[in-house]
Amino acid sequence: MLPGDRSLPLLRTSARGLADLARAGRIGATLATQMAHRMSRSASAAEIRSWDASLAALAADLEQAGLGGIEVLAEYQLPLSSKRIDVVLAGEHPRGGGPSYVVVELKQWTRASLFENEPELVVQPTYGPRPVLHPVAQVRAYGEYLLDFVGVLHGTSDVLAGAAYLHNATDDGVAALRGYPQDELGRLFTAQDRGDFHGFLRSRLSPANASVHADRLLRSSVAPSKQLLAVAAEELRTREQFVLLDEQRVAFDLVLHEVEKARRGDHKSVVIVSGGPGSGKSVIALSLLGELGRRGIRAVHATGSRSFTQTLRKVASHRAPRTRALFRYFNQFMAAERNGLDVLIADEAHRIRETSVDRYTPGALRGDPRRQVDELIDAARVPVFLLDQNQVVRPGEMGTVEDIEKHARERGLDVFQIDLSTQYRSGGSAAYVSWVERLLGLTPGGPLPWTGDERFEVRTASSPSAMEAVLTEKLAQRQNARMAAGYCWTWSDPRPDGSLVPDVQIGDWSRPWNLKGDRSVGGAPPAALWASDDRGFGQVGCVYTAQGFEYEWNGVLLGPDLVWRDDRWVAVRSANRDPDFRNTKKVSDADFDLLVRNVYKVLLTRGLRGVLVHSTDPETQRFLERLLR
């Protein structure tokens, strides 16, 4: 358990206190103030209106149900995630005592219908034609997530319940939603069901000791976040799925829906899932691969990353060697049968290249090569692309939402695009990812001082040795850690005796790079396993071995190829040693400037619990220290 991780609401009060705020017209303003203070983010006018309307309706219901003394946790942040639940109600269970909690998802909807008769996907006028998750599925997933991660809920029964409350809806307006299965973790109530809603709440909550039980929930330890490789192992070996939330679940359900359409008729469509680092793209990919396999549907997973694919092959095939064939590379579909697969899951699709031709391509396939994106689209009835456009780090990588959609539309295909906004890496700190993007000039606004986030630790290290000492302590506490750097030093092969050359030299400190090849040498793991093998600590990783992976503690060395001068970043091409960046005709200075900043974004966003940063350039180090005081 992680005692330092806390899931705090933006507002904690009694139901009676919430009703008082509603009568004063102050609910939205109070939450907006807390958001600005706690999250350094301004609430939109729409958010404030929504809080004023929905929370006032809930407050009135709680008072009418005789539950004015229970505790209300509004905008409760899920542990290890940036996702927020509308409300968690806390009280004592009326039967037998003990804590009792109810998760409430509030909707102002008046009308909603099913998306193409898919029971878990809903079309609602506010969102236009794109499907959203059924509110009962949404609130149930929140409950399952809490049961997974909140220590006081582990091993409990009848302590947690959930309700989706559509407080403006009539039964006629949402009749199609009634058929979805309901249970204690997910019930549906409308304005016409207010009496039933009150009865449900009274059956779950009483005001006795409500404050004590709310404290217990908020002070609970939190289970460690499931790392991607553990998810892969569980999904493909033991069939335990990671709980998918909101847009993640929509993406998952939409793919399954499109697969069924393709099986029923001559239908083909493309699904594009975009999101930043840690938004759950690869978790969706692996969840899909497992579920499709269980349904007997022909599906494979593909990436453009040797490290990522090799590691997934190793993890997934540990007990089932045949699963290795499920993991392929983007350039293996040049001669694929058109629509020979039901589903192709193209993970890390920002690494799609212009063509699949490389030095190993047989001569028969070299003439007039097709675009790689076309090969991937043609390979399956339902190609699924998962990508982050700000993780393009190599010349020739060109996977973007716009390009994939363009090529799909040219074939007359339906295209569905889902954006993942929630952050699950970096302790669930969306603020940290935003801070990194502004720091590196990848989003407008310029660098900001880090104001802190209780979920994620960010600090500078005065030297590489100081960084390594901290990370070594974390390893001793059974928390995994890695150090990675910009590609600014020579990368030597191992010596004849198997020892590694300490190429990364900064002052009197030096360490070797991770290995280049597929063999373990000198006690170090092969390149593809540097991020996942315990023996990887002690070598410095690069973007090509770090991308796609995560570790609890992340040490990042900014090399001399990106320095801070006169209030701006300066890319120093001559300080970079990456062979892919040498050709100035293929990679312009402007392209290098963007690519090197993308490289450092990838490196800075690998951590689950914290990051330490050190720049080899004194002026840049002083700049970082000012931001991270």
Foldseek 3Di string as FASTA:
>chain_A
DAQLWFWAFLDKDFLLVLLVCLVVLNQLVSSQVSCCVAVVDGDDPVSSVVRSPFSNLVSVLCVVLVRRQWMWRAQTAQWLKLHTFGIKIWAFAPPPTDIAIEGEHEAQAAAWAAQVLQLQWIDGPVVPNATWGQVQLQQLLSVVSCCQWFPVNDPDPLRYFYEYENANYDCVRYVNNVPDDADRSGDYYYVVCSVVVSVNDNNGHHSPCNVVSVVCRRSTHTDDDQFLLNQLLCCQPVVDADRAHILLVSLLSVLVVLLVVVVVDVAAAEEEEEEDPQLCLVSSVSNNVSVCVVVVFFEAEEEQAPLVLVSSQCSNCVPPNVCNVRYYYLLPQQPADFQPGAEYEYEQLLQQFQFSDDPPDDPVSPPPTHGSLLSQRRRHRYYYHYHYNLQPQFQRRHDDPVVSVVSCVVVVHHYHYTYRYMHNFQRNRPSVLVQLCQDLVVDDDHHAFDPDDSREAEEAAPDVVSVLVVQVVVVVVVFHEAAAEAQQWDADAADPVQHADQTDDQPPDTAHAQHDACCDTPQGHGLSCLQPDSSNHRHHYFLSNQAPGAGAEAEYEYEPQWADDPRHIDGNLVRHDDPSQPDCVSAPPVNNSSSSSSRVSRRQRRHRHYYYYHYSDVRRRVVRNVSHD
